[in-house]
Protein backbone atom coordinates (compact mmCIF):
# COMPACT_ATOMS: atom_id res chain seq x y z
CA UNK A 1 -0.08 -0.19 0.13
CA UNK A 2 0.90 3.49 -0.36
CA UNK A 3 0.12 5.44 3.02
CA UNK A 4 0.23 9.33 2.99
CA UNK A 5 1.12 10.35 6.46
CA UNK A 6 0.27 13.83 7.66
CA UNK A 7 3.60 14.68 9.26
CA UNK A 8 2.69 17.74 10.77
CA UNK A 9 -0.39 17.04 12.54
CA UNK A 10 -0.55 15.83 15.93
CA UNK A 11 1.17 17.78 19.46
CA UNK A 12 4.47 15.77 18.91
CA UNK A 13 4.84 16.27 15.02
CA UNK A 14 7.00 16.16 13.24
CA UNK A 15 9.72 14.32 15.20
CA UNK A 16 7.57 11.61 16.79
CA UNK A 17 5.30 11.47 13.49
CA UNK A 18 8.25 11.09 11.09
CA UNK A 19 10.22 8.63 13.63
CA UNK A 20 6.76 6.42 13.78
CA UNK A 21 6.66 6.62 10.16
CA UNK A 22 10.34 5.63 9.41
CA UNK A 23 9.76 2.29 12.09
CA UNK A 24 6.49 1.43 10.21
CA UNK A 25 8.41 1.56 6.92
CA UNK A 26 11.00 -0.90 8.22
CA UNK A 27 8.40 -3.10 9.26
CA UNK A 28 6.66 -2.90 5.87
CA UNK A 29 9.38 -2.98 3.07
CA UNK A 30 6.56 -3.78 0.32
CA UNK A 31 4.59 -0.43 1.39
CA UNK A 32 5.34 3.16 0.47
CA UNK A 33 5.25 5.77 3.01
CA UNK A 34 4.55 9.45 2.05
CA UNK A 35 5.37 11.97 4.38
CA UNK A 36 3.19 15.08 3.48
CA UNK A 37 4.30 18.59 4.75
CA UNK A 38 7.05 21.37 4.50
CA UNK A 39 9.87 19.11 3.00
CA UNK A 40 12.48 21.22 5.34
CA UNK A 41 10.79 20.48 8.50
CA UNK A 42 10.14 16.99 7.46
CA UNK A 43 14.11 16.68 6.52
CA UNK A 44 15.26 17.84 9.52
CA UNK A 45 13.59 14.84 11.43
CA UNK A 46 14.12 12.67 8.76
CA UNK A 47 17.94 12.28 8.55
CA UNK A 48 19.83 10.84 5.91
CA UNK A 49 19.40 7.03 6.35
CA UNK A 50 15.86 6.92 5.93
CA UNK A 51 14.21 3.55 4.16
CA UNK A 52 14.01 3.76 0.23
CA UNK A 53 10.33 3.17 0.86
CA UNK A 54 9.85 6.89 2.45
CA UNK A 55 9.49 9.74 0.44
CA UNK A 56 8.01 13.60 1.31
CA UNK A 57 5.17 15.25 -0.53
CA UNK A 58 5.31 18.89 -0.15
CA UNK A 59 2.49 20.59 1.62
CA UNK A 60 1.59 23.49 3.88
CA UNK A 61 1.24 23.89 7.54
CA UNK A 62 -1.27 21.55 9.71
CA UNK A 63 -4.48 22.87 10.67
CA UNK A 64 -4.10 23.94 14.47
CA UNK A 65 -6.22 22.23 17.14
CA UNK A 66 -7.74 25.48 18.01
CA UNK A 67 -8.99 26.22 14.54
CA UNK A 68 -12.24 25.51 13.08
CA UNK A 69 -11.82 22.72 10.37
CA UNK A 70 -13.98 23.66 7.75
CA UNK A 71 -12.81 27.30 7.54
CA UNK A 72 -9.20 26.31 7.82
CA UNK A 73 -9.28 24.11 5.14
CA UNK A 74 -10.96 26.58 2.82
CA UNK A 75 -8.46 29.33 3.65
CA UNK A 76 -5.52 26.94 3.25
CA UNK A 77 -6.18 24.30 0.45
CA UNK A 78 -2.61 23.75 0.80
CA UNK A 79 -2.59 22.30 4.69
CA UNK A 80 -0.90 19.08 4.94
CA UNK A 81 -4.18 17.07 5.85
CA UNK A 82 -5.85 18.45 2.72
CA UNK A 83 -3.13 17.70 0.64
CA UNK A 84 -2.94 13.91 1.88
CA UNK A 85 -6.65 13.61 1.49
CA UNK A 86 -6.40 15.02 -2.07
CA UNK A 87 -3.72 12.03 -2.65
CA UNK A 88 -6.26 9.27 -1.46
CA UNK A 89 -8.81 11.09 -4.05
CA UNK A 90 -6.44 11.06 -6.91
CA UNK A 91 -4.68 7.72 -6.65
CA UNK A 92 -1.55 8.68 -5.29
CA UNK A 93 -2.04 7.38 -2.20
CA UNK A 94 -4.39 4.38 -0.90
CA UNK A 95 -4.96 5.31 2.77
CA UNK A 96 -4.35 8.53 5.04
CA UNK A 97 -2.97 8.82 8.64
CA UNK A 98 -3.15 12.11 10.79
CA UNK A 99 -2.49 12.59 14.20
CA UNK A 100 -3.68 16.28 14.04
CA UNK A 101 -7.18 17.84 14.76
CA UNK A 102 -9.58 15.23 14.62
CA UNK A 103 -12.20 17.75 12.97
CA UNK A 104 -9.90 18.76 10.32
CA UNK A 105 -9.15 15.28 9.28
CA UNK A 106 -12.80 14.26 9.22
CA UNK A 107 -13.54 17.38 7.05
CA UNK A 108 -10.53 16.94 4.63
CA UNK A 109 -11.78 13.42 4.22
CA UNK A 110 -15.15 14.42 3.36
CA UNK A 111 -14.31 17.43 1.21
CA UNK A 112 -11.46 15.85 -0.74
CA UNK A 113 -12.15 11.93 -0.48
CA UNK A 114 -15.99 11.82 -0.29
CA UNK A 115 -18.53 9.66 1.21
CA UNK A 116 -19.43 6.00 0.26
CA UNK A 117 -22.74 5.37 -1.80
CA UNK A 118 -25.48 5.05 0.80
CA UNK A 119 -23.52 6.66 3.78
CA UNK A 120 -24.85 9.95 4.85
CA UNK A 121 -22.60 10.24 7.58
CA UNK A 122 -19.14 8.38 8.84
CA UNK A 123 -18.08 7.24 12.15
CA UNK A 124 -14.98 6.98 13.96
CA UNK A 125 -14.29 3.41 14.88
CA UNK A 126 -12.15 2.94 17.79
CA UNK A 127 -10.71 -0.27 19.81
CA UNK A 128 -11.72 -0.48 23.23
CA UNK A 129 -8.67 -2.55 24.73
CA UNK A 130 -10.78 -4.76 27.06
CA UNK A 131 -9.89 -8.41 27.71
CA UNK A 132 -12.26 -9.32 25.05
CA UNK A 133 -11.44 -5.93 22.55
CA UNK A 134 -14.57 -4.35 20.80
CA UNK A 135 -14.94 -2.07 18.03
CA UNK A 136 -16.92 1.03 18.86
CA UNK A 137 -18.36 3.59 16.71
CA UNK A 138 -19.21 5.95 16.41
CA UNK A 139 -16.57 7.55 18.95
CA UNK A 140 -17.17 11.62 17.69
CA UNK A 141 -17.54 11.88 13.86
CA UNK A 142 -21.62 12.48 13.98
CA UNK A 143 -22.98 13.57 17.08
CA UNK A 144 -26.58 13.68 15.94
CA UNK A 145 -27.42 10.68 14.22
CA UNK A 146 -30.81 9.06 12.34
CA UNK A 147 -31.98 5.63 12.91
CA UNK A 148 -30.30 4.60 9.46
CA UNK A 149 -27.11 6.08 10.37
CA UNK A 150 -26.75 3.67 13.47
CA UNK A 151 -27.80 0.89 10.85
CA UNK A 152 -24.89 1.99 8.57
CA UNK A 153 -22.46 2.38 11.67
CA UNK A 154 -23.73 -1.48 12.51
CA UNK A 155 -23.06 -2.68 8.59
CA UNK A 156 -19.41 -0.93 8.67
CA UNK A 157 -18.31 -1.77 12.17
CA UNK A 158 -19.16 -5.50 11.27
CA UNK A 159 -17.02 -5.86 8.14
CA UNK A 160 -14.31 -3.75 9.70
CA UNK A 161 -14.20 -5.77 12.88
CA UNK A 162 -14.06 -9.20 10.97
CA UNK A 163 -11.17 -8.07 9.06
CA UNK A 164 -9.30 -6.13 11.92
CA UNK A 165 -9.82 -8.98 14.38
CA UNK A 166 -9.49 -11.88 11.62
CA UNK A 167 -12.79 -13.16 12.78
CA UNK A 168 -13.89 -16.74 11.31
CA UNK A 169 -17.70 -15.86 11.47
CA UNK A 170 -19.86 -12.84 11.30
CA UNK A 171 -19.07 -10.08 13.79
CA UNK A 172 -21.57 -9.80 16.75
CA UNK A 173 -23.05 -6.18 16.85
CA UNK A 174 -24.56 -4.78 19.85
CA UNK A 175 -26.64 -1.39 20.22
CA UNK A 176 -25.40 0.51 23.37
CA UNK A 177 -28.26 1.41 25.45
CA UNK A 178 -29.86 1.91 28.84
CA UNK A 179 -31.35 -1.77 28.99
CA UNK A 180 -31.28 -4.92 27.40
CA UNK A 181 -35.16 -5.12 26.42
CA UNK A 182 -35.67 -3.87 22.71
CA UNK A 183 -38.50 -1.28 23.92
CA UNK A 184 -35.59 0.72 25.74
CA UNK A 185 -34.33 3.94 25.42
CA UNK A 186 -34.73 6.87 23.15
CA UNK A 187 -36.71 6.84 20.14
CA UNK A 188 -33.57 6.75 18.00
CA UNK A 189 -32.06 3.72 19.81
CA UNK A 190 -35.75 2.12 19.25
CA UNK A 191 -35.83 2.75 15.81
CA UNK A 192 -32.48 1.65 15.32
CA UNK A 193 -32.83 -1.47 17.20
CA UNK A 194 -35.88 -2.52 14.97
CA UNK A 195 -33.61 -1.51 11.43
CA UNK A 196 -30.40 -3.20 12.51
CA UNK A 197 -32.67 -6.70 13.76
CA UNK A 198 -34.24 -6.78 10.13
CA UNK A 199 -31.01 -6.18 8.39
CA UNK A 200 -29.25 -9.46 8.18
CA UNK A 201 -26.50 -8.12 10.52
CA UNK A 202 -25.49 -10.76 13.41
CA UNK A 203 -27.48 -8.61 16.36
CA UNK A 204 -27.04 -9.36 19.86
CA UNK A 205 -29.37 -6.66 20.90
CA UNK A 206 -28.91 -3.79 23.27
CA UNK A 207 -25.74 -3.78 25.47
CA UNK A 208 -25.73 -1.78 28.69
CA UNK A 209 -22.80 0.60 29.81
CA UNK A 210 -21.79 -2.13 32.33
CA UNK A 211 -21.31 -4.76 29.61
CA UNK A 212 -19.44 -3.08 27.04
CA UNK A 213 -16.36 -4.83 28.45
CA UNK A 214 -17.45 -8.02 28.86
CA UNK A 215 -17.11 -9.52 25.38
CA UNK A 216 -20.93 -9.68 24.71
CA UNK A 217 -20.37 -8.15 21.32
CA UNK A 218 -17.44 -7.46 18.84
CA UNK A 219 -18.80 -4.18 17.70
CA UNK A 220 -20.62 -1.41 19.67
CA UNK A 221 -22.76 0.95 18.12
CA UNK A 222 -23.99 4.16 19.10
CA UNK A 223 -24.43 7.97 18.31
CA UNK A 224 -20.99 10.13 18.14
CA UNK A 225 -21.85 12.07 21.61
CA UNK A 226 -22.65 8.92 23.47
CA UNK A 227 -19.70 6.88 21.91
CA UNK A 228 -17.22 9.67 22.60
CA UNK A 229 -18.33 9.81 26.29
CA UNK A 230 -18.11 6.04 26.47
CA UNK A 231 -14.55 5.95 25.14
CA UNK A 232 -12.97 9.02 27.04
CA UNK A 233 -14.96 7.59 30.31
CA UNK A 234 -13.29 4.11 29.64
CA UNK A 235 -9.75 5.61 28.94
CA UNK A 236 -10.02 7.90 32.15
CA UNK A 237 -10.99 4.72 34.26
CA UNK A 238 -8.25 2.59 33.00
CA UNK A 239 -5.85 5.32 33.80
CA UNK A 240 -6.86 6.26 37.37
CA UNK A 241 -6.90 2.43 38.14
CA UNK A 242 -3.59 1.96 36.92
CA UNK A 243 -2.72 4.89 38.71
CA UNK A 244 -4.01 3.25 42.03
CA UNK A 245 -2.48 0.21 41.72
CA UNK A 246 1.00 1.94 41.35
CA UNK A 247 0.41 3.96 44.21
CA UNK A 248 -0.54 0.73 46.50
CA UNK A 249 2.57 -1.08 45.06
CA UNK A 250 4.88 1.46 46.21
CA UNK A 251 3.43 2.56 49.50
CA UNK A 252 5.84 0.41 51.84
CA UNK A 253 8.69 -1.62 51.53
CA UNK A 254 6.49 -5.02 51.20
CA UNK A 255 4.60 -3.24 48.63
CA UNK A 256 7.58 -2.70 46.68
CA UNK A 257 8.93 -6.09 46.95
CA UNK A 258 5.69 -7.45 45.92
CA UNK A 259 5.64 -5.03 43.09
CA UNK A 260 8.81 -6.53 41.87
CA UNK A 261 7.06 -9.84 41.61
CA UNK A 262 4.08 -8.84 39.80
CA UNK A 263 5.75 -6.26 37.57
CA UNK A 264 5.64 -8.45 34.50
CA UNK A 265 2.08 -8.89 34.78
CA UNK A 266 1.20 -5.51 35.56
CA UNK A 267 3.56 -4.08 32.47
CA UNK A 268 1.39 -6.31 30.27
CA UNK A 269 -1.71 -5.06 31.67
CA UNK A 270 -0.54 -1.80 31.19
CA UNK A 271 0.50 -2.23 27.63
CA UNK A 272 -3.24 -3.76 26.89
CA UNK A 273 -4.71 -0.80 27.56
CA UNK A 274 -2.37 1.82 26.07
CA UNK A 275 -4.11 3.32 22.96
CA UNK A 276 -0.51 3.65 21.60
CA UNK A 277 -0.86 -0.48 20.68
CA UNK A 278 -3.36 0.53 18.48
CA UNK A 279 -2.36 3.77 17.38
CA UNK A 280 -5.52 5.37 16.05
CA UNK A 281 -9.24 5.10 15.02
CA UNK A 282 -10.52 4.42 11.52
CA UNK A 283 -12.94 6.79 9.89
CA UNK A 284 -15.20 4.46 8.12
CA UNK A 285 -17.98 5.40 5.75
CA UNK A 286 -15.48 7.49 3.30
CA UNK A 287 -14.01 6.18 0.00
CA UNK A 288 -10.21 5.54 1.26
CA UNK A 289 -9.11 4.07 4.63
CA UNK A 290 -8.43 7.11 6.74
CA UNK A 291 -6.78 6.61 10.33
CA UNK A 292 -6.93 9.44 13.12
CA UNK A 293 -4.14 9.23 15.52
CA UNK A 294 -4.32 10.49 19.08
CA UNK A 295 -3.13 14.18 19.09
CA UNK A 296 -0.51 13.25 21.65
CA UNK A 297 0.66 10.13 19.49
CA UNK A 298 4.47 8.92 20.09
CA UNK A 299 6.40 7.24 17.40
CA UNK A 300 5.15 3.69 18.76
CA UNK A 301 1.48 4.88 18.13
CA UNK A 302 2.28 6.34 14.74
CA UNK A 303 4.30 3.01 13.90
CA UNK A 304 1.52 0.74 14.83
CA UNK A 305 -1.37 2.69 13.24
CA UNK A 306 0.62 2.48 10.06
CA UNK A 307 1.18 -1.14 10.41
CA UNK A 308 -2.46 -1.57 11.38
CA UNK A 309 -3.47 0.18 7.72
CA UNK A 310 -1.34 -2.14 6.03
CA UNK A 311 -2.80 -5.17 7.61
CA UNK A 312 -6.58 -4.21 7.31
CA UNK A 313 -6.88 -1.41 4.52
CA UNK A 314 -5.99 -3.31 1.26
CA UNK A 315 -9.97 -3.92 -0.24
CA UNK A 316 -11.58 -2.69 2.95
CA UNK A 317 -13.32 0.37 1.09
CA UNK A 318 -14.67 -2.16 -1.53
CA UNK A 319 -15.95 -4.61 1.36
CA UNK A 320 -17.61 -1.69 2.98
CA UNK A 321 -19.51 -0.36 0.03
CA UNK A 322 -20.76 -3.89 -0.76
CA UNK A 323 -21.92 -4.53 2.54
CA UNK A 324 -23.85 -1.17 2.75
CA UNK A 325 -25.08 -2.23 -0.97
CA UNK A 326 -26.43 -5.42 -0.08
CA UNK A 327 -28.30 -4.26 3.13
CA UNK A 328 -29.80 -1.27 1.47
CA UNK A 329 -30.93 -3.60 -1.44
CA UNK A 330 -32.57 -5.76 0.89
CA UNK A 331 -34.63 -2.59 2.59
CA UNK A 332 -35.64 -1.88 -0.86
CA UNK A 333 -36.95 -5.27 -1.21
CA UNK A 334 -38.77 -5.24 2.06
CA UNK A 335 -40.42 -1.88 1.32
CA UNK A 336 -41.71 -2.90 -1.75
């Protein structure tokens, strides 16, 4: 694959982004990594011994985190994320990664790459790193949803989860709600429940907040507002619990001795919930793989995100569009 990387996007760009891209290029010798941004700035971080499958594409500055995305992109069409998205649209690249402004990345993808046929709004799909990982979508791209949007998210999420997790069967899809019964929740949730139930997706019904980490579903569907709250809450709780464990293990000499014995297992637990292991979230519903990294991504997170794109991105767009078309065709048949 040819992967366009917004080298200027993110709190730690360009140094950490470039370092992560170089690390990914070494692990992916058959892929091409295209660093997009100011050549001088990128070159200072790249050095003279970069892999042969890394190249630079000139672009303007990144869109700032405090800028209004659409306005900034209109005023600066040469912004690094806009140029990278344009490369995907024009066939110069097969996928896009950016750790810059989420709003700017979503806007650039919609304006430059475009939506899949039959998909009114995109969704951000992110991995919840529980013992049984699950894909949560939408995690913030579409705050106000219609029932058909949630059905589309279920379809997109199922196809993505099957490829990302390497599932042998159909992905299990759950609808995040306040109760397990079909009649629970808002009008949006009730109507979405009915649509997903009749879609042919492997639907396991409503999933309450307390059950999102129990492995009852491979895909968790909700609107962007709720999904973002779920994601940020899960990340915050994990961080606080790890901090409490760390404090408990260093409170006394005996605790420190015990911590030395448990350290390997505790490190594995820490790494499991570390977002850097997954690197970023996929924007599903646009005509090309787009991955949004954490704003504070370090080199390891960028590297893992790019490797993840290589593993799942090939043929993903066609598979998503086919799945949407099949379900929508059944809807039309059922209505007639």
